[in-house]
Amino acid sequence: KKQLVKMKEDLKNRQAFYLAEAHARVAYQKTLARIVAQVQDKSRDAQLVEDVVIWALECEAEAKSERAALENAGQKAPPGAVAAAPAKKSNRPGDSDSDSDSDSD
């Protein structure tokens, strides 16, 4: 019974840690999305905008790939251990802060 109580406490602590890390990761993702949106909205250098968007998408893909690999290996991805990129994916520098994931021109 003592071991069960200890295991429950450990689970509670791990869940709290995971939740805190998940919140930090989401905050990072939102900040990165705002940075990319600012570059898209303010920069007149089309190549810079394209490079930043491609970089952000590559980061997002790498993060998803790493999490999937860890899950496939029977492990949970450590929260916050993988960098993720913003949800905004448009390549158009004139786009506003909409949440559109459309890549159409």
N, C-alpha and C. Protein backbone atom coordinates (compact mmCIF):
# COMPACT_ATOMS: atom_id res chain seq x y z
N LYS A 1 0.83 -1.20 0.00
CA LYS A 1 0.00 0.00 0.00
C LYS A 1 0.87 1.26 0.00
N LYS A 2 1.96 1.23 0.72
CA LYS A 2 2.88 2.35 0.77
C LYS A 2 3.46 2.63 -0.62
N GLN A 3 3.77 1.54 -1.33
CA GLN A 3 4.33 1.66 -2.67
C GLN A 3 3.30 2.27 -3.62
N LEU A 4 2.04 1.91 -3.47
CA LEU A 4 0.98 2.46 -4.31
C LEU A 4 0.87 3.97 -4.10
N VAL A 5 0.91 4.40 -2.86
CA VAL A 5 0.83 5.82 -2.55
C VAL A 5 2.02 6.56 -3.18
N LYS A 6 3.20 5.96 -3.06
CA LYS A 6 4.40 6.57 -3.64
C LYS A 6 4.29 6.65 -5.16
N MET A 7 3.78 5.60 -5.79
CA MET A 7 3.62 5.59 -7.24
C MET A 7 2.60 6.64 -7.69
N LYS A 8 1.53 6.80 -6.94
CA LYS A 8 0.52 7.81 -7.27
C LYS A 8 1.11 9.21 -7.17
N GLU A 9 1.91 9.43 -6.14
CA GLU A 9 2.55 10.73 -5.96
C GLU A 9 3.54 10.99 -7.10
N ASP A 10 4.28 9.96 -7.48
CA ASP A 10 5.23 10.09 -8.58
C ASP A 10 4.49 10.41 -9.89
N LEU A 11 3.38 9.73 -10.12
CA LEU A 11 2.58 9.99 -11.32
C LEU A 11 2.08 11.43 -11.31
N LYS A 12 1.60 11.88 -10.18
CA LYS A 12 1.10 13.25 -10.05
C LYS A 12 2.21 14.26 -10.37
N ASN A 13 3.41 14.01 -9.85
CA ASN A 13 4.54 14.90 -10.11
C ASN A 13 4.94 14.89 -11.58
N ARG A 14 4.95 13.72 -12.18
CA ARG A 14 5.31 13.62 -13.59
C ARG A 14 4.28 14.31 -14.48
N GLN A 15 3.01 14.17 -14.12
CA GLN A 15 1.96 14.83 -14.89
C GLN A 15 2.08 16.35 -14.79
N ALA A 16 2.38 16.84 -13.60
CA ALA A 16 2.55 18.28 -13.41
C ALA A 16 3.74 18.79 -14.23
N PHE A 17 4.83 18.03 -14.21
CA PHE A 17 6.01 18.41 -14.99
C PHE A 17 5.68 18.43 -16.48
N TYR A 18 5.02 17.37 -16.95
CA TYR A 18 4.66 17.29 -18.36
C TYR A 18 3.78 18.47 -18.76
N LEU A 19 2.80 18.79 -17.93
CA LEU A 19 1.88 19.88 -18.23
C LEU A 19 2.63 21.21 -18.31
N ALA A 20 3.53 21.44 -17.36
CA ALA A 20 4.31 22.68 -17.38
C ALA A 20 5.18 22.76 -18.63
N GLU A 21 5.81 21.67 -19.00
CA GLU A 21 6.64 21.65 -20.20
C GLU A 21 5.80 21.83 -21.46
N ALA A 22 4.63 21.24 -21.48
CA ALA A 22 3.75 21.38 -22.64
C ALA A 22 3.31 22.83 -22.80
N HIS A 23 3.00 23.50 -21.70
CA HIS A 23 2.63 24.91 -21.76
C HIS A 23 3.80 25.75 -22.27
N ALA A 24 5.00 25.44 -21.83
CA ALA A 24 6.18 26.17 -22.29
C ALA A 24 6.38 25.96 -23.79
N ARG A 25 6.18 24.74 -24.26
CA ARG A 25 6.34 24.44 -25.68
C ARG A 25 5.31 25.20 -26.51
N VAL A 26 4.07 25.26 -26.02
CA VAL A 26 3.03 26.00 -26.75
C VAL A 26 3.36 27.49 -26.79
N ALA A 27 3.86 28.03 -25.68
CA ALA A 27 4.25 29.44 -25.66
C ALA A 27 5.36 29.69 -26.67
N TYR A 28 6.32 28.78 -26.74
CA TYR A 28 7.41 28.90 -27.72
C TYR A 28 6.85 28.88 -29.14
N GLN A 29 5.94 27.95 -29.41
CA GLN A 29 5.35 27.84 -30.75
C GLN A 29 4.62 29.12 -31.13
N LYS A 30 3.86 29.68 -30.19
CA LYS A 30 3.12 30.90 -30.47
C LYS A 30 4.06 32.07 -30.73
N THR A 31 5.13 32.15 -29.95
CA THR A 31 6.10 33.23 -30.14
C THR A 31 6.78 33.10 -31.48
N LEU A 32 7.19 31.91 -31.84
CA LEU A 32 7.82 31.70 -33.14
C LEU A 32 6.85 32.03 -34.27
N ALA A 33 5.59 31.70 -34.09
CA ALA A 33 4.58 32.02 -35.11
C ALA A 33 4.45 33.54 -35.27
N ARG A 34 4.50 34.27 -34.16
CA ARG A 34 4.43 35.73 -34.24
C ARG A 34 5.67 36.31 -34.94
N ILE A 35 6.82 35.74 -34.66
CA ILE A 35 8.05 36.20 -35.31
C ILE A 35 7.96 35.98 -36.82
N VAL A 36 7.54 34.79 -37.23
CA VAL A 36 7.41 34.49 -38.66
C VAL A 36 6.39 35.43 -39.29
N ALA A 37 5.28 35.66 -38.60
CA ALA A 37 4.25 36.56 -39.14
C ALA A 37 4.79 37.97 -39.31
N GLN A 38 5.59 38.43 -38.36
CA GLN A 38 6.19 39.77 -38.47
C GLN A 38 7.13 39.85 -39.67
N VAL A 39 7.93 38.83 -39.85
CA VAL A 39 8.84 38.81 -41.01
C VAL A 39 8.02 38.84 -42.29
N GLN A 40 6.95 38.04 -42.33
CA GLN A 40 6.12 38.01 -43.53
C GLN A 40 5.45 39.36 -43.78
N ASP A 41 4.98 39.99 -42.72
CA ASP A 41 4.24 41.24 -42.86
C ASP A 41 5.15 42.44 -43.13
N LYS A 42 6.33 42.46 -42.53
CA LYS A 42 7.16 43.66 -42.57
C LYS A 42 8.31 43.62 -43.57
N SER A 43 8.79 42.46 -43.90
CA SER A 43 9.97 42.39 -44.76
C SER A 43 9.61 42.57 -46.22
N ARG A 44 10.45 43.31 -46.91
CA ARG A 44 10.28 43.48 -48.35
C ARG A 44 11.21 42.56 -49.11
N ASP A 45 12.02 41.82 -48.38
CA ASP A 45 12.99 40.89 -49.00
C ASP A 45 12.30 39.53 -49.15
N ALA A 46 11.85 39.24 -50.34
CA ALA A 46 11.10 38.01 -50.60
C ALA A 46 11.92 36.77 -50.27
N GLN A 47 13.21 36.82 -50.55
CA GLN A 47 14.07 35.66 -50.27
C GLN A 47 14.17 35.42 -48.76
N LEU A 48 14.29 36.48 -48.00
CA LEU A 48 14.34 36.35 -46.54
C LEU A 48 13.05 35.74 -46.01
N VAL A 49 11.93 36.24 -46.50
CA VAL A 49 10.63 35.71 -46.07
C VAL A 49 10.55 34.23 -46.39
N GLU A 50 10.91 33.87 -47.60
CA GLU A 50 10.87 32.46 -48.00
C GLU A 50 11.79 31.61 -47.13
N ASP A 51 12.99 32.10 -46.88
CA ASP A 51 13.94 31.35 -46.05
C ASP A 51 13.42 31.15 -44.64
N VAL A 52 12.84 32.19 -44.06
CA VAL A 52 12.31 32.09 -42.69
C VAL A 52 11.15 31.11 -42.63
N VAL A 53 10.25 31.18 -43.59
CA VAL A 53 9.10 30.27 -43.60
C VAL A 53 9.56 28.83 -43.79
N ILE A 54 10.49 28.61 -44.70
CA ILE A 54 11.00 27.26 -44.93
C ILE A 54 11.68 26.74 -43.67
N TRP A 55 12.48 27.58 -43.03
CA TRP A 55 13.14 27.19 -41.78
C TRP A 55 12.12 26.79 -40.72
N ALA A 56 11.08 27.59 -40.58
CA ALA A 56 10.05 27.30 -39.58
C ALA A 56 9.35 25.98 -39.88
N LEU A 57 9.04 25.75 -41.14
CA LEU A 57 8.38 24.49 -41.52
C LEU A 57 9.30 23.29 -41.31
N GLU A 58 10.59 23.49 -41.59
CA GLU A 58 11.55 22.40 -41.35
C GLU A 58 11.65 22.08 -39.86
N CYS A 59 11.64 23.11 -39.03
CA CYS A 59 11.67 22.90 -37.58
C CYS A 59 10.45 22.13 -37.12
N GLU A 60 9.30 22.51 -37.64
CA GLU A 60 8.05 21.83 -37.29
C GLU A 60 8.09 20.36 -37.71
N ALA A 61 8.55 20.11 -38.91
CA ALA A 61 8.62 18.73 -39.41
C ALA A 61 9.62 17.91 -38.60
N GLU A 62 10.75 18.50 -38.26
CA GLU A 62 11.75 17.79 -37.47
C GLU A 62 11.22 17.45 -36.08
N ALA A 63 10.52 18.39 -35.48
CA ALA A 63 9.95 18.16 -34.16
C ALA A 63 8.93 17.02 -34.19
N LYS A 64 8.07 17.04 -35.19
CA LYS A 64 7.07 15.98 -35.31
C LYS A 64 7.74 14.63 -35.54
N SER A 65 8.76 14.62 -36.37
CA SER A 65 9.49 13.40 -36.67
C SER A 65 10.16 12.83 -35.42
N GLU A 66 10.79 13.70 -34.64
CA GLU A 66 11.46 13.24 -33.42
C GLU A 66 10.46 12.71 -32.41
N ARG A 67 9.33 13.40 -32.26
CA ARG A 67 8.31 12.90 -31.32
C ARG A 67 7.76 11.56 -31.77
N ALA A 68 7.52 11.42 -33.06
CA ALA A 68 6.99 10.16 -33.60
C ALA A 68 7.99 9.03 -33.40
N ALA A 69 9.28 9.32 -33.63
CA ALA A 69 10.31 8.29 -33.45
C ALA A 69 10.37 7.83 -32.00
N LEU A 70 10.27 8.77 -31.07
CA LEU A 70 10.29 8.41 -29.65
C LEU A 70 9.06 7.59 -29.27
N GLU A 71 7.91 7.98 -29.79
CA GLU A 71 6.69 7.23 -29.49
C GLU A 71 6.75 5.84 -30.09
N ASN A 72 7.30 5.71 -31.29
CA ASN A 72 7.43 4.40 -31.93
C ASN A 72 8.41 3.51 -31.20
N ALA A 73 9.36 4.12 -30.50
CA ALA A 73 10.34 3.36 -29.74
C ALA A 73 9.80 2.97 -28.37
N GLY A 74 8.53 3.31 -28.12
CA GLY A 74 7.92 2.95 -26.85
C GLY A 74 8.17 3.95 -25.75
N GLN A 75 8.68 5.11 -26.11
CA GLN A 75 8.92 6.15 -25.13
C GLN A 75 8.03 7.33 -25.43
N LYS A 76 7.74 8.10 -24.42
CA LYS A 76 7.04 9.35 -24.64
C LYS A 76 8.07 10.41 -24.93
N ALA A 77 7.74 11.31 -25.84
CA ALA A 77 8.65 12.42 -26.12
C ALA A 77 8.75 13.31 -24.91
N PRO A 78 9.96 13.64 -24.50
CA PRO A 78 10.09 14.56 -23.37
C PRO A 78 9.52 15.91 -23.77
N PRO A 79 8.59 16.43 -23.00
CA PRO A 79 7.98 17.70 -23.37
C PRO A 79 9.02 18.80 -23.39
N GLY A 80 8.96 19.62 -24.41
CA GLY A 80 9.89 20.72 -24.52
C GLY A 80 11.25 20.32 -25.05
N ALA A 81 11.46 19.04 -25.28
CA ALA A 81 12.78 18.58 -25.74
C ALA A 81 12.94 18.78 -27.24
N VAL A 82 11.85 19.07 -27.92
CA VAL A 82 11.90 19.20 -29.35
C VAL A 82 11.37 20.58 -29.73
N ALA A 83 12.08 21.28 -30.58
CA ALA A 83 11.63 22.58 -31.03
C ALA A 83 10.53 22.41 -32.06
N ALA A 84 9.51 23.22 -31.97
CA ALA A 84 8.43 23.16 -32.93
C ALA A 84 8.27 24.54 -33.56
N ALA A 85 7.63 24.57 -34.71
CA ALA A 85 7.50 25.81 -35.45
C ALA A 85 6.05 26.27 -35.46
N PRO A 86 5.81 27.43 -35.98
CA PRO A 86 4.47 28.01 -35.95
C PRO A 86 3.50 27.31 -36.89
N ALA A 87 2.23 27.52 -36.63
CA ALA A 87 1.20 26.93 -37.46
C ALA A 87 1.02 27.73 -38.76
N LYS A 88 1.38 29.02 -38.74
CA LYS A 88 1.21 29.84 -39.93
C LYS A 88 2.17 29.40 -41.01
N LYS A 89 1.63 29.08 -42.20
CA LYS A 89 2.46 28.47 -43.23
C LYS A 89 2.47 29.23 -44.54
N SER A 90 1.79 30.32 -44.63
CA SER A 90 1.71 31.03 -45.89
C SER A 90 3.05 31.64 -46.26
N ASN A 91 3.38 31.64 -47.55
CA ASN A 91 4.63 32.23 -48.03
C ASN A 91 4.45 33.68 -48.43
N ARG A 92 3.27 34.23 -48.30
CA ARG A 92 3.02 35.56 -48.79
C ARG A 92 3.35 36.61 -47.74
N PRO A 93 4.25 37.54 -48.06
CA PRO A 93 4.65 38.54 -47.08
C PRO A 93 3.53 39.49 -46.71
N GLY A 94 2.52 39.64 -47.53
CA GLY A 94 1.43 40.57 -47.25
C GLY A 94 0.33 39.97 -46.40
N ASP A 95 0.42 38.71 -46.03
CA ASP A 95 -0.63 38.07 -45.23
C ASP A 95 -0.74 38.70 -43.87
N SER A 96 -1.96 38.72 -43.35
CA SER A 96 -2.17 39.24 -42.00
C SER A 96 -2.02 38.12 -40.99
N ASP A 97 -2.39 38.36 -39.77
CA ASP A 97 -2.24 37.38 -38.69
C ASP A 97 -3.36 36.35 -38.69
N SER A 98 -3.92 36.02 -39.81
CA SER A 98 -4.97 35.00 -39.84
C SER A 98 -4.37 33.64 -39.54
N ASP A 99 -5.23 32.71 -39.14
CA ASP A 99 -4.78 31.37 -38.79
C ASP A 99 -4.89 30.44 -39.99
N SER A 100 -4.91 30.96 -41.16
CA SER A 100 -5.03 30.14 -42.36
C SER A 100 -3.78 29.31 -42.58
N ASP A 101 -3.98 28.04 -42.92
CA ASP A 101 -2.86 27.16 -43.22
C ASP A 101 -2.73 26.96 -44.74
N SER A 102 -3.39 27.80 -45.47
CA SER A 102 -3.38 27.66 -46.91
C SER A 102 -2.07 28.14 -47.50
N ASP A 103 -1.55 27.40 -48.46
CA ASP A 103 -0.34 27.79 -49.14
C ASP A 103 -0.65 28.36 -50.53
N SER A 104 -1.92 28.59 -50.80
CA SER A 104 -2.31 29.06 -52.13
C SER A 104 -1.93 30.52 -52.30
N ASP A 105 -1.70 30.90 -53.55
CA ASP A 105 -1.33 32.29 -53.83
C ASP A 105 -2.53 33.06 -54.29
